[in-house]
Amino acid sequence: MEKLKGQNSLYEQFLKYSYKDLKELFKKAKTKEEQDFYITLSDIVLQKEQEKVIGKD
């Protein structure tokens, strides 16, 4: 955890990405594991947007 001092949290970095950004990273992914990672993150972004639309936020 030493290397995390003074850096943005992973969550803060994640918030900078849009659904479109993550889909683009998915397309450029070199492995199935990397594709799964980006699609999971894009699903989280969509879920957060859906919660805003239906008023859960």
PDB file of N, CA and C in Angstrom:
ATOM      1  N   MET A   1       0.810  -1.203   0.000  1.00  0.00           N
ATOM      2  CA  MET A   1       0.000   0.000   0.000  1.00  0.00           C
ATOM      3  C   MET A   1       0.851   1.263   0.000  1.00  0.00           C
ATOM      4  N   GLU A   2       2.129   1.144   0.179  1.00  0.00           N
ATOM      5  CA  GLU A   2       3.017   2.310   0.181  1.00  0.00           C
ATOM      6  C   GLU A   2       2.919   3.093  -1.132  1.00  0.00           C
ATOM      7  N   LYS A   3       2.827   2.384  -2.239  1.00  0.00           N
ATOM      8  CA  LYS A   3       2.823   3.077  -3.526  1.00  0.00           C
ATOM      9  C   LYS A   3       1.541   3.851  -3.780  1.00  0.00           C
ATOM     10  N   LEU A   4       0.542   3.710  -2.935  1.00  0.00           N
ATOM     11  CA  LEU A   4      -0.717   4.408  -3.116  1.00  0.00           C
ATOM     12  C   LEU A   4      -0.735   5.798  -2.484  1.00  0.00           C
ATOM     13  N   LYS A   5       0.220   6.080  -1.640  1.00  0.00           N
ATOM     14  CA  LYS A   5       0.244   7.396  -0.991  1.00  0.00           C
ATOM     15  C   LYS A   5       0.454   8.493  -2.033  1.00  0.00           C
ATOM     16  N   GLY A   6      -0.374   9.512  -1.940  1.00  0.00           N
ATOM     17  CA  GLY A   6      -0.252  10.657  -2.841  1.00  0.00           C
ATOM     18  C   GLY A   6      -0.849  10.435  -4.217  1.00  0.00           C
ATOM     19  N   GLN A   7      -1.433   9.282  -4.449  1.00  0.00           N
ATOM     20  CA  GLN A   7      -2.047   9.011  -5.747  1.00  0.00           C
ATOM     21  C   GLN A   7      -3.562   9.015  -5.612  1.00  0.00           C
ATOM     22  N   ASN A   8      -4.238   9.262  -6.731  1.00  0.00           N
ATOM     23  CA  ASN A   8      -5.698   9.157  -6.745  1.00  0.00           C
ATOM     24  C   ASN A   8      -6.089   7.718  -6.475  1.00  0.00           C
ATOM     25  N   SER A   9      -7.217   7.550  -5.855  1.00  0.00           N
ATOM     26  CA  SER A   9      -7.691   6.193  -5.628  1.00  0.00           C
ATOM     27  C   SER A   9      -8.122   5.575  -6.952  1.00  0.00           C
ATOM     28  N   LEU A  10      -8.148   4.282  -6.990  1.00  0.00           N
ATOM     29  CA  LEU A  10      -8.597   3.574  -8.181  1.00  0.00           C
ATOM     30  C   LEU A  10     -10.023   3.976  -8.530  1.00  0.00           C
ATOM     31  N   TYR A  11     -10.851   4.157  -7.508  1.00  0.00           N
ATOM     32  CA  TYR A  11     -12.237   4.573  -7.726  1.00  0.00           C
ATOM     33  C   TYR A  11     -12.303   5.942  -8.399  1.00  0.00           C
ATOM     34  N   GLU A  12     -11.476   6.882  -7.932  1.00  0.00           N
ATOM     35  CA  GLU A  12     -11.455   8.216  -8.535  1.00  0.00           C
ATOM     36  C   GLU A  12     -11.024   8.142  -9.996  1.00  0.00           C
ATOM     37  N   GLN A  13     -10.077   7.275 -10.296  1.00  0.00           N
ATOM     38  CA  GLN A  13      -9.650   7.090 -11.682  1.00  0.00           C
ATOM     39  C   GLN A  13     -10.773   6.495 -12.512  1.00  0.00           C
ATOM     40  N   PHE A  14     -11.469   5.517 -11.954  1.00  0.00           N
ATOM     41  CA  PHE A  14     -12.588   4.876 -12.645  1.00  0.00           C
ATOM     42  C   PHE A  14     -13.669   5.885 -13.004  1.00  0.00           C
ATOM     43  N   LEU A  15     -13.950   6.825 -12.110  1.00  0.00           N
ATOM     44  CA  LEU A  15     -15.007   7.811 -12.347  1.00  0.00           C
ATOM     45  C   LEU A  15     -14.722   8.723 -13.534  1.00  0.00           C
ATOM     46  N   LYS A  16     -13.476   8.800 -13.945  1.00  0.00           N
ATOM     47  CA  LYS A  16     -13.109   9.654 -15.076  1.00  0.00           C
ATOM     48  C   LYS A  16     -13.492   9.037 -16.420  1.00  0.00           C
ATOM     49  N   TYR A  17     -13.787   7.745 -16.427  1.00  0.00           N
ATOM     50  CA  TYR A  17     -14.093   7.053 -17.673  1.00  0.00           C
ATOM     51  C   TYR A  17     -15.590   7.046 -17.955  1.00  0.00           C
ATOM     52  N   SER A  18     -15.923   7.320 -19.190  1.00  0.00           N
ATOM     53  CA  SER A  18     -17.321   7.237 -19.618  1.00  0.00           C
ATOM     54  C   SER A  18     -17.585   5.832 -20.155  1.00  0.00           C
ATOM     55  N   TYR A  19     -18.854   5.549 -20.362  1.00  0.00           N
ATOM     56  CA  TYR A  19     -19.239   4.274 -20.962  1.00  0.00           C
ATOM     57  C   TYR A  19     -18.559   4.118 -22.328  1.00  0.00           C
ATOM     58  N   LYS A  20     -18.567   5.186 -23.096  1.00  0.00           N
ATOM     59  CA  LYS A  20     -17.950   5.166 -24.427  1.00  0.00           C
ATOM     60  C   LYS A  20     -16.443   4.871 -24.328  1.00  0.00           C
ATOM     61  N   ASP A  21     -15.765   5.492 -23.365  1.00  0.00           N
ATOM     62  CA  ASP A  21     -14.332   5.246 -23.160  1.00  0.00           C
ATOM     63  C   ASP A  21     -14.070   3.766 -22.871  1.00  0.00           C
ATOM     64  N   LEU A  22     -14.885   3.208 -21.997  1.00  0.00           N
ATOM     65  CA  LEU A  22     -14.687   1.817 -21.598  1.00  0.00           C
ATOM     66  C   LEU A  22     -14.982   0.852 -22.747  1.00  0.00           C
ATOM     67  N   LYS A  23     -15.983   1.170 -23.560  1.00  0.00           N
ATOM     68  CA  LYS A  23     -16.267   0.329 -24.726  1.00  0.00           C
ATOM     69  C   LYS A  23     -15.115   0.382 -25.728  1.00  0.00           C
ATOM     70  N   GLU A  24     -14.492   1.536 -25.857  1.00  0.00           N
ATOM     71  CA  GLU A  24     -13.341   1.668 -26.747  1.00  0.00           C
ATOM     72  C   GLU A  24     -12.158   0.851 -26.223  1.00  0.00           C
ATOM     73  N   LEU A  25     -11.939   0.903 -24.916  1.00  0.00           N
ATOM     74  CA  LEU A  25     -10.875   0.087 -24.315  1.00  0.00           C
ATOM     75  C   LEU A  25     -11.167  -1.399 -24.495  1.00  0.00           C
ATOM     76  N   PHE A  26     -12.437  -1.769 -24.396  1.00  0.00           N
ATOM     77  CA  PHE A  26     -12.848  -3.150 -24.619  1.00  0.00           C
ATOM     78  C   PHE A  26     -12.456  -3.599 -26.037  1.00  0.00           C
ATOM     79  N   LYS A  27     -12.720  -2.748 -27.006  1.00  0.00           N
ATOM     80  CA  LYS A  27     -12.410  -3.091 -28.396  1.00  0.00           C
ATOM     81  C   LYS A  27     -10.912  -3.266 -28.618  1.00  0.00           C
ATOM     82  N   LYS A  28     -10.115  -2.525 -27.854  1.00  0.00           N
ATOM     83  CA  LYS A  28      -8.659  -2.570 -28.012  1.00  0.00           C
ATOM     84  C   LYS A  28      -7.999  -3.622 -27.123  1.00  0.00           C
ATOM     85  N   ALA A  29      -8.759  -4.264 -26.283  1.00  0.00           N
ATOM     86  CA  ALA A  29      -8.206  -5.256 -25.360  1.00  0.00           C
ATOM     87  C   ALA A  29      -7.572  -6.413 -26.126  1.00  0.00           C
ATOM     88  N   LYS A  30      -6.467  -6.908 -25.582  1.00  0.00           N
ATOM     89  CA  LYS A  30      -5.715  -7.958 -26.260  1.00  0.00           C
ATOM     90  C   LYS A  30      -6.064  -9.359 -25.781  1.00  0.00           C
ATOM     91  N   THR A  31      -6.681  -9.463 -24.613  1.00  0.00           N
ATOM     92  CA  THR A  31      -7.013 -10.780 -24.074  1.00  0.00           C
ATOM     93  C   THR A  31      -8.480 -10.822 -23.657  1.00  0.00           C
ATOM     94  N   LYS A  32      -9.004 -12.019 -23.531  1.00  0.00           N
ATOM     95  CA  LYS A  32     -10.378 -12.209 -23.058  1.00  0.00           C
ATOM     96  C   LYS A  32     -10.519 -11.660 -21.641  1.00  0.00           C
ATOM     97  N   GLU A  33      -9.508 -11.872 -20.810  1.00  0.00           N
ATOM     98  CA  GLU A  33      -9.541 -11.378 -19.441  1.00  0.00           C
ATOM     99  C   GLU A  33      -9.641  -9.848 -19.406  1.00  0.00           C
ATOM    100  N   GLU A  34      -8.887  -9.196 -20.268  1.00  0.00           N
ATOM    101  CA  GLU A  34      -8.923  -7.736 -20.354  1.00  0.00           C
ATOM    102  C   GLU A  34     -10.289  -7.268 -20.862  1.00  0.00           C
ATOM    103  N   GLN A  35     -10.853  -7.968 -21.834  1.00  0.00           N
ATOM    104  CA  GLN A  35     -12.193  -7.636 -22.327  1.00  0.00           C
ATOM    105  C   GLN A  35     -13.222  -7.774 -21.206  1.00  0.00           C
ATOM    106  N   ASP A  36     -13.131  -8.858 -20.449  1.00  0.00           N
ATOM    107  CA  ASP A  36     -14.054  -9.070 -19.326  1.00  0.00           C
ATOM    108  C   ASP A  36     -13.949  -7.943 -18.306  1.00  0.00           C
ATOM    109  N   PHE A  37     -12.734  -7.484 -18.044  1.00  0.00           N
ATOM    110  CA  PHE A  37     -12.497  -6.397 -17.099  1.00  0.00           C
ATOM    111  C   PHE A  37     -13.212  -5.124 -17.561  1.00  0.00           C
ATOM    112  N   TYR A  38     -13.001  -4.745 -18.813  1.00  0.00           N
ATOM    113  CA  TYR A  38     -13.600  -3.505 -19.313  1.00  0.00           C
ATOM    114  C   TYR A  38     -15.117  -3.604 -19.444  1.00  0.00           C
ATOM    115  N   ILE A  39     -15.611  -4.759 -19.820  1.00  0.00           N
ATOM    116  CA  ILE A  39     -17.063  -4.883 -19.943  1.00  0.00           C
ATOM    117  C   ILE A  39     -17.712  -4.831 -18.565  1.00  0.00           C
ATOM    118  N   THR A  40     -17.045  -5.368 -17.555  1.00  0.00           N
ATOM    119  CA  THR A  40     -17.575  -5.293 -16.191  1.00  0.00           C
ATOM    120  C   THR A  40     -17.617  -3.844 -15.713  1.00  0.00           C
ATOM    121  N   LEU A  41     -16.560  -3.097 -15.980  1.00  0.00           N
ATOM    122  CA  LEU A  41     -16.556  -1.679 -15.606  1.00  0.00           C
ATOM    123  C   LEU A  41     -17.628  -0.900 -16.358  1.00  0.00           C
ATOM    124  N   SER A  42     -17.809  -1.201 -17.630  1.00  0.00           N
ATOM    125  CA  SER A  42     -18.844  -0.491 -18.398  1.00  0.00           C
ATOM    126  C   SER A  42     -20.234  -0.835 -17.866  1.00  0.00           C
ATOM    127  N   ASP A  43     -20.431  -2.062 -17.414  1.00  0.00           N
ATOM    128  CA  ASP A  43     -21.706  -2.444 -16.797  1.00  0.00           C
ATOM    129  C   ASP A  43     -21.966  -1.638 -15.524  1.00  0.00           C
ATOM    130  N   ILE A  44     -20.926  -1.390 -14.752  1.00  0.00           N
ATOM    131  CA  ILE A  44     -21.068  -0.591 -13.528  1.00  0.00           C
ATOM    132  C   ILE A  44     -21.472   0.841 -13.881  1.00  0.00           C
ATOM    133  N   VAL A  45     -20.845   1.397 -14.905  1.00  0.00           N
ATOM    134  CA  VAL A  45     -21.188   2.759 -15.347  1.00  0.00           C
ATOM    135  C   VAL A  45     -22.653   2.815 -15.775  1.00  0.00           C
ATOM    136  N   LEU A  46     -23.091   1.832 -16.555  1.00  0.00           N
ATOM    137  CA  LEU A  46     -24.490   1.797 -16.988  1.00  0.00           C
ATOM    138  C   LEU A  46     -25.443   1.673 -15.805  1.00  0.00           C
ATOM    139  N   GLN A  47     -25.086   0.835 -14.862  1.00  0.00           N
ATOM    140  CA  GLN A  47     -25.928   0.649 -13.680  1.00  0.00           C
ATOM    141  C   GLN A  47     -26.080   1.958 -12.903  1.00  0.00           C
ATOM    142  N   LYS A  48     -24.978   2.697 -12.744  1.00  0.00           N
ATOM    143  CA  LYS A  48     -25.030   3.976 -12.034  1.00  0.00           C
ATOM    144  C   LYS A  48     -25.907   4.969 -12.786  1.00  0.00           C
ATOM    145  N   GLU A  49     -25.824   4.983 -14.103  1.00  0.00           N
ATOM    146  CA  GLU A  49     -26.660   5.873 -14.907  1.00  0.00           C
ATOM    147  C   GLU A  49     -28.135   5.487 -14.795  1.00  0.00           C
ATOM    148  N   GLN A  50     -28.425   4.203 -14.796  1.00  0.00           N
ATOM    149  CA  GLN A  50     -29.804   3.741 -14.652  1.00  0.00           C
ATOM    150  C   GLN A  50     -30.370   4.144 -13.296  1.00  0.00           C
ATOM    151  N   GLU A  51     -29.553   4.051 -12.251  1.00  0.00           N
ATOM    152  CA  GLU A  51     -30.003   4.453 -10.920  1.00  0.00           C
ATOM    153  C   GLU A  51     -30.339   5.937 -10.881  1.00  0.00           C
ATOM    154  N   LYS A  52     -29.562   6.749 -11.585  1.00  0.00           N
ATOM    155  CA  LYS A  52     -29.852   8.185 -11.644  1.00  0.00           C
ATOM    156  C   LYS A  52     -31.195   8.428 -12.336  1.00  0.00           C
ATOM    157  N   VAL A  53     -31.423   7.718 -13.438  1.00  0.00           N
ATOM    158  CA  VAL A  53     -32.642   7.902 -14.219  1.00  0.00           C
ATOM    159  C   VAL A  53     -33.884   7.507 -13.429  1.00  0.00           C
ATOM    160  N   ILE A  54     -33.802   6.409 -12.693  1.00  0.00           N
ATOM    161  CA  ILE A  54     -34.986   5.961 -11.952  1.00  0.00           C
ATOM    162  C   ILE A  54     -35.063   6.574 -10.554  1.00  0.00           C
ATOM    163  N   GLY A  55     -34.092   7.416 -10.217  1.00  0.00           N
ATOM    164  CA  GLY A  55     -34.170   8.177  -8.976  1.00  0.00           C
ATOM    165  C   GLY A  55     -33.674   7.490  -7.723  1.00  0.00           C
ATOM    166  N   LYS A  56     -32.775   6.541  -7.864  1.00  0.00           N
ATOM    167  CA  LYS A  56     -32.223   5.872  -6.685  1.00  0.00           C
ATOM    168  C   LYS A  56     -31.020   6.592  -6.120  1.00  0.00           C
ATOM    169  N   ASP A  57     -30.554   7.608  -6.784  1.00  0.00           N
ATOM    170  CA  ASP A  57     -29.347   8.295  -6.333  1.00  0.00           C
ATOM    171  C   ASP A  57     -29.681   9.522  -5.525  1.00  0.00           C
TER     172      ASP A  57
END
